[in-house]
């Protein structure tokens, strides 16, 4: 059966890095919220896994084994053909890849936040969604009451790698 799942963008409203683990993951204290802009994920069970990217923000996104959707399918021990209609700009800090992976995990009825964090630290929040206080490396998600907020996003035509930002943060000391 073909499933269609929304994958809402995320926004980190506040972020404080509170430490670093030996493996390089950062401990955080953050407030995160889901936004109205969504990627649309179409999932068709299959004997093998493939990912196809479409939409205005699809160019340049890997569809190989390093893709977060592929990694989520593997974590959930599922195989499927997944089509991602990219409406969330890649590299803009809006969790597009993570929310796509979380949508696949929701489809697979996979809810282990700690294991989901092994694929990507913000995937646990994307699984829960809404508004939350997020700690640990991202695997501890405590829901907060809904607050209506209007947000204006200004998205320049550039890509920023989250791992590169954290490496730079560490180098700054």
N, C-alpha and C. Protein backbone atom coordinates (compact mmCIF):
# COMPACT_ATOMS: atom_id res chain seq x y z
N UNK A 1 0.84 -1.18 0.00
CA UNK A 1 0.00 0.00 0.00
C UNK A 1 0.89 1.25 0.00
N UNK A 2 0.55 2.21 -0.83
CA UNK A 2 1.30 3.46 -0.91
C UNK A 2 0.85 4.38 0.23
N UNK A 3 1.83 4.95 0.91
CA UNK A 3 1.56 5.89 2.01
C UNK A 3 2.12 7.25 1.65
N UNK A 4 1.41 8.28 2.08
CA UNK A 4 1.87 9.66 1.89
C UNK A 4 1.98 10.29 3.28
N UNK A 5 3.17 10.82 3.59
CA UNK A 5 3.46 11.34 4.93
C UNK A 5 4.04 12.74 4.81
N UNK A 6 3.58 13.65 5.66
CA UNK A 6 4.16 14.99 5.70
C UNK A 6 5.37 14.98 6.61
N UNK A 7 6.38 15.75 6.24
CA UNK A 7 7.61 15.88 7.02
C UNK A 7 7.86 17.37 7.26
N UNK A 8 7.37 17.91 8.40
CA UNK A 8 7.49 19.35 8.63
C UNK A 8 8.92 19.80 8.96
N UNK A 9 9.26 20.97 8.45
CA UNK A 9 10.54 21.59 8.78
C UNK A 9 10.60 21.87 10.28
N UNK A 10 11.81 22.01 10.78
CA UNK A 10 11.99 22.33 12.19
C UNK A 10 12.81 23.61 12.32
N UNK A 11 12.63 24.26 13.42
CA UNK A 11 13.40 25.46 13.71
C UNK A 11 13.86 25.38 15.15
N UNK A 12 15.14 25.61 15.35
CA UNK A 12 15.69 25.65 16.70
C UNK A 12 15.63 27.09 17.18
N UNK A 13 14.77 27.34 18.17
CA UNK A 13 14.58 28.71 18.66
C UNK A 13 15.69 29.14 19.60
N UNK A 14 16.21 28.18 20.37
CA UNK A 14 17.34 28.48 21.25
C UNK A 14 18.22 27.24 21.30
N UNK A 15 19.51 27.47 21.41
CA UNK A 15 20.46 26.36 21.45
C UNK A 15 21.63 26.74 22.34
N UNK A 16 21.89 25.86 23.28
CA UNK A 16 23.07 26.02 24.13
C UNK A 16 23.81 24.69 24.11
N UNK A 17 25.08 24.70 23.70
CA UNK A 17 25.91 23.50 23.74
C UNK A 17 26.46 23.40 25.15
N UNK A 18 26.18 22.27 25.81
CA UNK A 18 26.55 22.12 27.22
C UNK A 18 27.74 21.20 27.44
N UNK A 19 28.24 20.57 26.39
CA UNK A 19 29.39 19.69 26.50
C UNK A 19 29.56 18.87 25.24
N UNK A 20 30.61 18.07 25.23
CA UNK A 20 30.92 17.22 24.08
C UNK A 20 31.25 15.82 24.58
N UNK A 21 30.66 14.82 23.95
CA UNK A 21 30.98 13.43 24.28
C UNK A 21 32.31 13.05 23.64
N UNK A 22 32.88 11.94 24.09
CA UNK A 22 34.13 11.45 23.52
C UNK A 22 34.02 11.14 22.03
N UNK A 23 32.80 10.77 21.58
CA UNK A 23 32.61 10.44 20.16
C UNK A 23 32.33 11.67 19.29
N UNK A 24 32.38 12.86 19.88
CA UNK A 24 32.20 14.10 19.12
C UNK A 24 30.79 14.66 19.12
N UNK A 25 29.80 13.88 19.56
CA UNK A 25 28.44 14.41 19.65
C UNK A 25 28.38 15.49 20.73
N UNK A 26 27.61 16.52 20.47
CA UNK A 26 27.46 17.63 21.41
C UNK A 26 26.23 17.44 22.29
N UNK A 27 26.38 17.72 23.57
CA UNK A 27 25.23 17.78 24.46
C UNK A 27 24.59 19.14 24.26
N UNK A 28 23.27 19.16 24.17
CA UNK A 28 22.58 20.41 23.90
C UNK A 28 21.46 20.66 24.91
N UNK A 29 21.05 21.89 24.96
CA UNK A 29 19.86 22.33 25.68
C UNK A 29 19.17 23.28 24.70
N UNK A 30 18.04 22.85 24.14
CA UNK A 30 17.43 23.60 23.05
C UNK A 30 15.92 23.62 23.14
N UNK A 31 15.33 24.63 22.51
CA UNK A 31 13.89 24.64 22.27
C UNK A 31 13.71 24.55 20.77
N UNK A 32 12.91 23.57 20.34
CA UNK A 32 12.68 23.34 18.92
C UNK A 32 11.19 23.35 18.63
N UNK A 33 10.84 23.78 17.42
CA UNK A 33 9.44 23.81 17.00
C UNK A 33 9.33 23.28 15.57
N UNK A 34 8.17 22.71 15.26
CA UNK A 34 7.84 22.30 13.90
C UNK A 34 7.24 23.49 13.17
N UNK A 35 7.50 23.58 11.88
CA UNK A 35 6.97 24.67 11.06
C UNK A 35 5.91 24.13 10.09
N UNK A 36 5.21 25.05 9.45
CA UNK A 36 4.16 24.66 8.49
C UNK A 36 4.72 24.15 7.17
N UNK A 37 5.92 24.55 6.78
CA UNK A 37 6.49 24.10 5.52
C UNK A 37 6.87 22.62 5.66
N UNK A 38 6.48 21.82 4.67
CA UNK A 38 6.69 20.36 4.76
C UNK A 38 7.22 19.79 3.46
N UNK A 39 8.09 18.78 3.60
CA UNK A 39 8.37 17.89 2.48
C UNK A 39 7.24 16.88 2.46
N UNK A 40 6.94 16.34 1.30
CA UNK A 40 5.91 15.32 1.16
C UNK A 40 6.61 14.01 0.78
N UNK A 41 6.40 13.00 1.59
CA UNK A 41 7.07 11.72 1.42
C UNK A 41 6.04 10.70 0.94
N UNK A 42 6.32 10.05 -0.18
CA UNK A 42 5.48 8.97 -0.69
C UNK A 42 6.27 7.67 -0.57
N UNK A 43 5.70 6.70 0.14
CA UNK A 43 6.41 5.46 0.45
C UNK A 43 5.64 4.27 -0.12
N UNK A 44 6.36 3.48 -0.90
CA UNK A 44 5.79 2.26 -1.47
C UNK A 44 6.65 1.08 -1.01
N UNK A 45 6.09 0.17 -0.23
CA UNK A 45 6.87 -1.01 0.18
C UNK A 45 7.44 -1.72 -1.05
N UNK A 46 8.66 -2.23 -0.90
CA UNK A 46 9.35 -2.85 -2.02
C UNK A 46 10.33 -3.88 -1.48
N UNK A 47 10.88 -4.69 -2.37
CA UNK A 47 11.88 -5.68 -1.97
C UNK A 47 13.25 -5.07 -1.76
N UNK A 48 13.45 -3.85 -2.26
CA UNK A 48 14.71 -3.14 -2.06
C UNK A 48 14.39 -1.66 -1.81
N UNK A 49 15.38 -0.95 -1.31
CA UNK A 49 15.17 0.46 -0.97
C UNK A 49 15.79 1.39 -2.00
N UNK A 50 15.02 2.40 -2.38
CA UNK A 50 15.51 3.47 -3.25
C UNK A 50 14.90 4.78 -2.76
N UNK A 51 15.60 5.86 -3.04
CA UNK A 51 15.10 7.20 -2.73
C UNK A 51 15.18 8.03 -3.99
N UNK A 52 14.10 8.75 -4.28
CA UNK A 52 14.05 9.68 -5.40
C UNK A 52 13.70 11.05 -4.83
N UNK A 53 14.44 12.07 -5.25
CA UNK A 53 14.18 13.45 -4.81
C UNK A 53 13.54 14.22 -5.96
N UNK A 54 12.44 14.92 -5.65
CA UNK A 54 11.79 15.79 -6.63
C UNK A 54 11.55 17.14 -5.96
N UNK A 55 11.11 18.09 -6.71
CA UNK A 55 10.73 19.38 -6.14
C UNK A 55 11.81 20.44 -6.30
N UNK A 56 11.45 21.64 -5.88
CA UNK A 56 12.30 22.81 -6.11
C UNK A 56 13.61 22.80 -5.33
N UNK A 57 13.73 21.99 -4.30
CA UNK A 57 14.95 21.97 -3.49
C UNK A 57 15.65 20.60 -3.52
N UNK A 58 15.45 19.85 -4.61
CA UNK A 58 15.98 18.48 -4.67
C UNK A 58 17.40 18.38 -5.21
N UNK A 59 17.85 19.38 -5.95
CA UNK A 59 19.15 19.23 -6.61
C UNK A 59 20.29 19.16 -5.59
N UNK A 60 21.23 18.28 -5.89
CA UNK A 60 22.43 18.16 -5.07
C UNK A 60 22.31 17.29 -3.84
N UNK A 61 21.15 16.71 -3.58
CA UNK A 61 20.97 15.88 -2.39
C UNK A 61 21.31 14.43 -2.75
N UNK A 62 22.19 13.84 -1.97
CA UNK A 62 22.59 12.46 -2.20
C UNK A 62 21.41 11.51 -2.01
N UNK A 63 21.32 10.51 -2.86
CA UNK A 63 20.30 9.47 -2.69
C UNK A 63 20.95 8.12 -2.42
N UNK A 64 22.23 8.16 -2.08
CA UNK A 64 22.98 6.94 -1.79
C UNK A 64 22.78 6.46 -0.36
N UNK A 65 23.62 5.53 0.07
CA UNK A 65 23.47 4.92 1.39
C UNK A 65 23.67 5.91 2.54
N UNK A 66 24.31 7.07 2.28
CA UNK A 66 24.49 8.07 3.33
C UNK A 66 23.26 8.96 3.51
N UNK A 67 22.28 8.85 2.60
CA UNK A 67 21.05 9.63 2.71
C UNK A 67 20.31 9.23 3.99
N UNK A 68 19.80 10.21 4.73
CA UNK A 68 19.14 9.91 6.01
C UNK A 68 17.89 9.06 5.85
N UNK A 69 17.18 9.19 4.75
CA UNK A 69 16.01 8.33 4.51
C UNK A 69 16.46 6.88 4.36
N UNK A 70 17.53 6.66 3.61
CA UNK A 70 18.06 5.30 3.44
C UNK A 70 18.51 4.75 4.79
N UNK A 71 19.16 5.58 5.58
CA UNK A 71 19.63 5.14 6.90
C UNK A 71 18.46 4.85 7.84
N UNK A 72 17.38 5.62 7.73
CA UNK A 72 16.18 5.37 8.55
C UNK A 72 15.52 4.06 8.16
N UNK A 73 15.43 3.79 6.86
CA UNK A 73 14.87 2.51 6.41
C UNK A 73 15.67 1.35 6.98
N UNK A 74 16.99 1.48 6.95
CA UNK A 74 17.86 0.43 7.48
C UNK A 74 17.65 0.26 8.98
N UNK A 75 17.59 1.36 9.71
CA UNK A 75 17.38 1.30 11.16
C UNK A 75 16.07 0.60 11.49
N UNK A 76 15.02 0.90 10.74
CA UNK A 76 13.70 0.32 10.99
C UNK A 76 13.55 -1.08 10.38
N UNK A 77 14.62 -1.54 9.74
CA UNK A 77 14.61 -2.86 9.08
C UNK A 77 13.45 -2.99 8.10
N UNK A 78 13.31 -1.95 7.26
CA UNK A 78 12.27 -1.89 6.24
C UNK A 78 12.91 -1.64 4.88
N UNK A 79 12.21 -2.03 3.84
CA UNK A 79 12.62 -1.69 2.48
C UNK A 79 11.43 -1.04 1.79
N UNK A 80 11.72 -0.01 1.00
CA UNK A 80 10.66 0.72 0.33
C UNK A 80 11.25 1.60 -0.76
N UNK A 81 10.40 1.98 -1.69
CA UNK A 81 10.75 3.03 -2.64
C UNK A 81 10.16 4.32 -2.06
N UNK A 82 11.02 5.29 -1.82
CA UNK A 82 10.61 6.54 -1.19
C UNK A 82 10.83 7.70 -2.15
N UNK A 83 9.77 8.46 -2.38
CA UNK A 83 9.87 9.67 -3.19
C UNK A 83 9.71 10.86 -2.24
N UNK A 84 10.70 11.74 -2.25
CA UNK A 84 10.68 12.92 -1.39
C UNK A 84 10.47 14.15 -2.25
N UNK A 85 9.33 14.81 -2.05
CA UNK A 85 9.08 16.10 -2.71
C UNK A 85 9.66 17.17 -1.80
N UNK A 86 10.84 17.70 -2.18
CA UNK A 86 11.59 18.63 -1.34
C UNK A 86 11.02 20.05 -1.45
N UNK A 87 10.36 20.46 -0.38
CA UNK A 87 9.88 21.83 -0.26
C UNK A 87 10.70 22.60 0.76
N UNK A 88 11.48 21.87 1.57
CA UNK A 88 12.35 22.46 2.59
C UNK A 88 13.74 22.62 1.98
N UNK A 89 14.28 23.83 2.00
CA UNK A 89 15.61 24.03 1.43
C UNK A 89 16.67 23.21 2.18
N UNK A 90 17.55 22.55 1.43
CA UNK A 90 18.65 21.78 2.03
C UNK A 90 19.72 22.73 2.53
N UNK A 91 20.32 22.39 3.66
CA UNK A 91 21.42 23.18 4.19
C UNK A 91 21.00 24.50 4.79
N UNK A 92 19.72 24.69 5.02
CA UNK A 92 19.24 25.95 5.57
C UNK A 92 18.98 25.90 7.06
N UNK A 93 19.32 24.79 7.71
CA UNK A 93 19.13 24.68 9.15
C UNK A 93 17.69 24.38 9.55
N UNK A 94 16.90 23.84 8.61
CA UNK A 94 15.49 23.57 8.88
C UNK A 94 15.19 22.08 9.04
N UNK A 95 16.24 21.27 9.16
CA UNK A 95 16.05 19.85 9.44
C UNK A 95 15.41 19.05 8.33
N UNK A 96 15.57 19.45 7.08
CA UNK A 96 14.91 18.78 5.97
C UNK A 96 15.23 17.30 5.85
N UNK A 97 16.50 16.94 5.91
CA UNK A 97 16.87 15.53 5.83
C UNK A 97 16.42 14.75 7.05
N UNK A 98 16.54 15.36 8.21
CA UNK A 98 16.15 14.69 9.45
C UNK A 98 14.65 14.46 9.53
N UNK A 99 13.87 15.45 9.10
CA UNK A 99 12.43 15.29 9.16
C UNK A 99 11.94 14.27 8.13
N UNK A 100 12.65 14.16 7.00
CA UNK A 100 12.31 13.13 6.01
C UNK A 100 12.57 11.74 6.61
N UNK A 101 13.72 11.59 7.28
CA UNK A 101 14.05 10.32 7.93
C UNK A 101 13.03 10.00 9.02
N UNK A 102 12.63 11.01 9.80
CA UNK A 102 11.64 10.80 10.85
C UNK A 102 10.29 10.38 10.27
N UNK A 103 9.92 10.95 9.14
CA UNK A 103 8.65 10.57 8.50
C UNK A 103 8.68 9.10 8.12
N UNK A 104 9.81 8.63 7.61
CA UNK A 104 9.95 7.22 7.27
C UNK A 104 9.87 6.36 8.53
N UNK A 105 10.51 6.80 9.60
CA UNK A 105 10.45 6.05 10.87
C UNK A 105 9.02 6.00 11.41
N UNK A 106 8.28 7.11 11.30
CA UNK A 106 6.86 7.10 11.74
C UNK A 106 6.06 6.10 10.91
N UNK A 107 6.29 6.10 9.59
CA UNK A 107 5.61 5.14 8.70
C UNK A 107 5.92 3.71 9.13
N UNK A 108 7.16 3.46 9.55
CA UNK A 108 7.58 2.12 9.96
C UNK A 108 7.18 1.80 11.39
N UNK A 109 6.48 2.74 12.05
CA UNK A 109 6.06 2.58 13.45
C UNK A 109 7.27 2.35 14.37
N UNK A 110 8.33 3.08 14.09
CA UNK A 110 9.57 3.03 14.87
C UNK A 110 9.60 4.26 15.76
N UNK A 111 9.66 4.05 17.07
CA UNK A 111 9.55 5.19 18.00
C UNK A 111 10.67 5.25 19.04
N UNK A 112 11.76 4.52 18.84
CA UNK A 112 12.87 4.51 19.79
C UNK A 112 13.73 5.75 19.56
N UNK A 113 13.53 6.78 20.39
CA UNK A 113 14.22 8.05 20.18
C UNK A 113 15.73 7.93 20.31
N UNK A 114 16.21 7.14 21.26
CA UNK A 114 17.65 6.98 21.45
C UNK A 114 18.30 6.34 20.22
N UNK A 115 17.67 5.33 19.66
CA UNK A 115 18.22 4.69 18.45
C UNK A 115 18.08 5.61 17.25
N UNK A 116 16.99 6.38 17.18
CA UNK A 116 16.82 7.32 16.07
C UNK A 116 17.94 8.37 16.08
N UNK A 117 18.40 8.75 17.26
CA UNK A 117 19.48 9.74 17.38
C UNK A 117 20.79 9.23 16.80
N UNK A 118 20.95 7.91 16.65
CA UNK A 118 22.17 7.38 16.05
C UNK A 118 22.23 7.67 14.56
N UNK A 119 21.07 7.94 13.94
CA UNK A 119 21.03 8.31 12.52
C UNK A 119 21.25 9.82 12.38
N UNK A 120 20.66 10.60 13.28
CA UNK A 120 20.80 12.05 13.27
C UNK A 120 20.26 12.62 14.56
N UNK A 121 21.00 13.54 15.17
CA UNK A 121 20.66 14.02 16.52
C UNK A 121 19.33 14.76 16.59
N UNK A 122 18.85 15.34 15.49
CA UNK A 122 17.56 16.03 15.56
C UNK A 122 16.39 15.19 15.08
N UNK A 123 16.66 13.95 14.68
CA UNK A 123 15.58 13.06 14.25
C UNK A 123 14.60 12.76 15.40
N UNK A 124 15.07 12.56 16.64
CA UNK A 124 14.09 12.34 17.72
C UNK A 124 13.06 13.47 17.84
N UNK A 125 13.52 14.72 17.77
CA UNK A 125 12.55 15.82 17.82
C UNK A 125 11.60 15.74 16.64
N UNK A 126 12.13 15.46 15.46
CA UNK A 126 11.28 15.37 14.27
C UNK A 126 10.24 14.25 14.40
N UNK A 127 10.58 13.19 15.12
CA UNK A 127 9.60 12.12 15.37
C UNK A 127 8.47 12.61 16.26
N UNK A 128 8.81 13.43 17.25
CA UNK A 128 7.82 13.92 18.21
C UNK A 128 7.08 15.14 17.65
N UNK A 129 7.83 16.10 17.13
CA UNK A 129 7.26 17.31 16.54
C UNK A 129 6.62 18.24 17.54
N UNK A 130 5.99 19.29 17.01
CA UNK A 130 5.32 20.27 17.86
C UNK A 130 6.30 21.30 18.39
N UNK A 131 6.35 21.40 19.69
CA UNK A 131 7.27 22.30 20.39
C UNK A 131 7.84 21.51 21.55
N UNK A 132 9.16 21.57 21.74
CA UNK A 132 9.75 20.73 22.78
C UNK A 132 11.06 21.31 23.30
N UNK A 133 11.37 20.89 24.52
CA UNK A 133 12.68 21.12 25.13
C UNK A 133 13.50 19.88 24.81
N UNK A 134 14.65 20.07 24.18
CA UNK A 134 15.46 18.96 23.69
C UNK A 134 16.82 18.99 24.38
N UNK A 135 17.23 17.85 24.97
CA UNK A 135 18.50 17.77 25.66
C UNK A 135 19.22 16.47 25.28
N UNK A 136 20.30 16.17 26.01
CA UNK A 136 21.16 15.05 25.64
C UNK A 136 21.87 15.43 24.36
N UNK A 137 21.98 14.48 23.42
CA UNK A 137 22.50 14.83 22.09
C UNK A 137 21.34 15.12 21.14
N UNK A 138 20.13 15.12 21.70
CA UNK A 138 18.91 15.34 20.93
C UNK A 138 17.89 14.25 21.17
N UNK A 139 18.27 13.21 21.89
CA UNK A 139 17.39 12.06 22.10
C UNK A 139 16.38 12.26 23.23
N UNK A 140 16.58 13.27 24.06
CA UNK A 140 15.66 13.54 25.16
C UNK A 140 14.74 14.69 24.75
N UNK A 141 13.48 14.37 24.51
CA UNK A 141 12.52 15.32 23.95
C UNK A 141 11.34 15.43 24.90
N UNK A 142 11.18 16.60 25.50
CA UNK A 142 10.07 16.86 26.41
C UNK A 142 9.13 17.86 25.77
N UNK A 143 7.91 17.41 25.49
CA UNK A 143 6.92 18.27 24.83
C UNK A 143 6.63 19.51 25.68
N UNK A 144 6.45 20.63 24.99
CA UNK A 144 6.06 21.89 25.62
C UNK A 144 4.70 22.30 25.06
N UNK A 145 3.95 23.13 25.80
CA UNK A 145 2.65 23.57 25.29
C UNK A 145 2.80 24.35 23.98
N UNK A 146 1.79 24.23 23.14
CA UNK A 146 1.75 24.95 21.87
C UNK A 146 1.74 26.45 22.13
N UNK A 147 2.52 27.19 21.34
CA UNK A 147 2.50 28.65 21.33
C UNK A 147 2.44 29.10 19.88
N UNK A 148 1.44 29.90 19.54
CA UNK A 148 1.37 30.41 18.17
C UNK A 148 2.48 31.43 17.97
N UNK A 149 3.23 31.27 16.90
CA UNK A 149 4.28 32.22 16.54
C UNK A 149 4.29 32.37 15.04
N UNK A 150 4.44 33.60 14.59
CA UNK A 150 4.66 33.85 13.17
C UNK A 150 6.16 33.97 12.98
N UNK A 151 6.68 33.27 11.98
CA UNK A 151 8.11 33.26 11.71
C UNK A 151 8.32 33.64 10.26
N UNK A 152 9.24 34.54 10.02
CA UNK A 152 9.63 34.89 8.67
C UNK A 152 10.99 34.26 8.41
N UNK A 153 11.07 33.43 7.39
CA UNK A 153 12.33 32.78 7.03
C UNK A 153 12.94 33.51 5.85
N UNK A 154 14.20 33.86 5.99
CA UNK A 154 14.97 34.42 4.89
C UNK A 154 16.03 33.38 4.58
N UNK A 155 15.92 32.80 3.40
CA UNK A 155 16.78 31.67 3.05
C UNK A 155 17.67 32.06 1.88
N UNK A 156 18.93 32.41 2.18
CA UNK A 156 19.84 32.77 1.08
C UNK A 156 20.21 31.54 0.27
N UNK A 157 20.66 31.74 -0.96
CA UNK A 157 20.99 30.60 -1.83
C UNK A 157 22.37 30.02 -1.49
N UNK A 158 22.50 29.48 -0.30
CA UNK A 158 23.74 28.82 0.09
C UNK A 158 23.42 27.63 0.97
N UNK A 159 24.40 26.75 1.13
CA UNK A 159 24.23 25.52 1.90
C UNK A 159 25.26 25.53 3.03
N UNK A 160 24.82 25.19 4.24
CA UNK A 160 25.72 25.10 5.38
C UNK A 160 25.61 23.69 5.96
N UNK A 161 26.73 23.02 6.09
CA UNK A 161 26.77 21.68 6.65
C UNK A 161 26.75 21.76 8.17
N UNK A 162 25.77 21.11 8.81
CA UNK A 162 25.69 21.13 10.27
C UNK A 162 26.96 20.56 10.90
N UNK A 163 27.48 19.40 10.45
CA UNK A 163 28.73 18.91 11.05
C UNK A 163 29.88 19.92 10.94
N UNK A 164 29.95 20.65 9.81
CA UNK A 164 31.02 21.64 9.65
C UNK A 164 30.84 22.78 10.65
N UNK A 165 29.61 23.18 10.93
CA UNK A 165 29.35 24.24 11.90
C UNK A 165 29.84 23.79 13.28
N UNK A 166 29.52 22.57 13.66
CA UNK A 166 29.96 22.07 14.97
C UNK A 166 31.48 21.93 15.04
N UNK A 167 32.14 21.52 13.93
CA UNK A 167 33.61 21.44 13.94
C UNK A 167 34.18 22.82 14.16
N UNK A 168 33.62 23.83 13.48
CA UNK A 168 34.09 25.20 13.65
C UNK A 168 33.87 25.67 15.09
N UNK A 169 32.71 25.33 15.65
CA UNK A 169 32.39 25.68 17.04
C UNK A 169 33.47 25.12 17.97
N UNK A 170 33.82 23.84 17.76
CA UNK A 170 34.83 23.19 18.61
C UNK A 170 36.20 23.86 18.46
N UNK A 171 36.55 24.24 17.24
CA UNK A 171 37.85 24.88 17.00
C UNK A 171 37.92 26.24 17.67
N UNK A 172 36.77 26.93 17.80
CA UNK A 172 36.74 28.25 18.44
C UNK A 172 36.91 28.12 19.95
N UNK A 173 36.65 26.91 20.46
CA UNK A 173 36.84 26.65 21.88
C UNK A 173 35.75 27.15 22.70
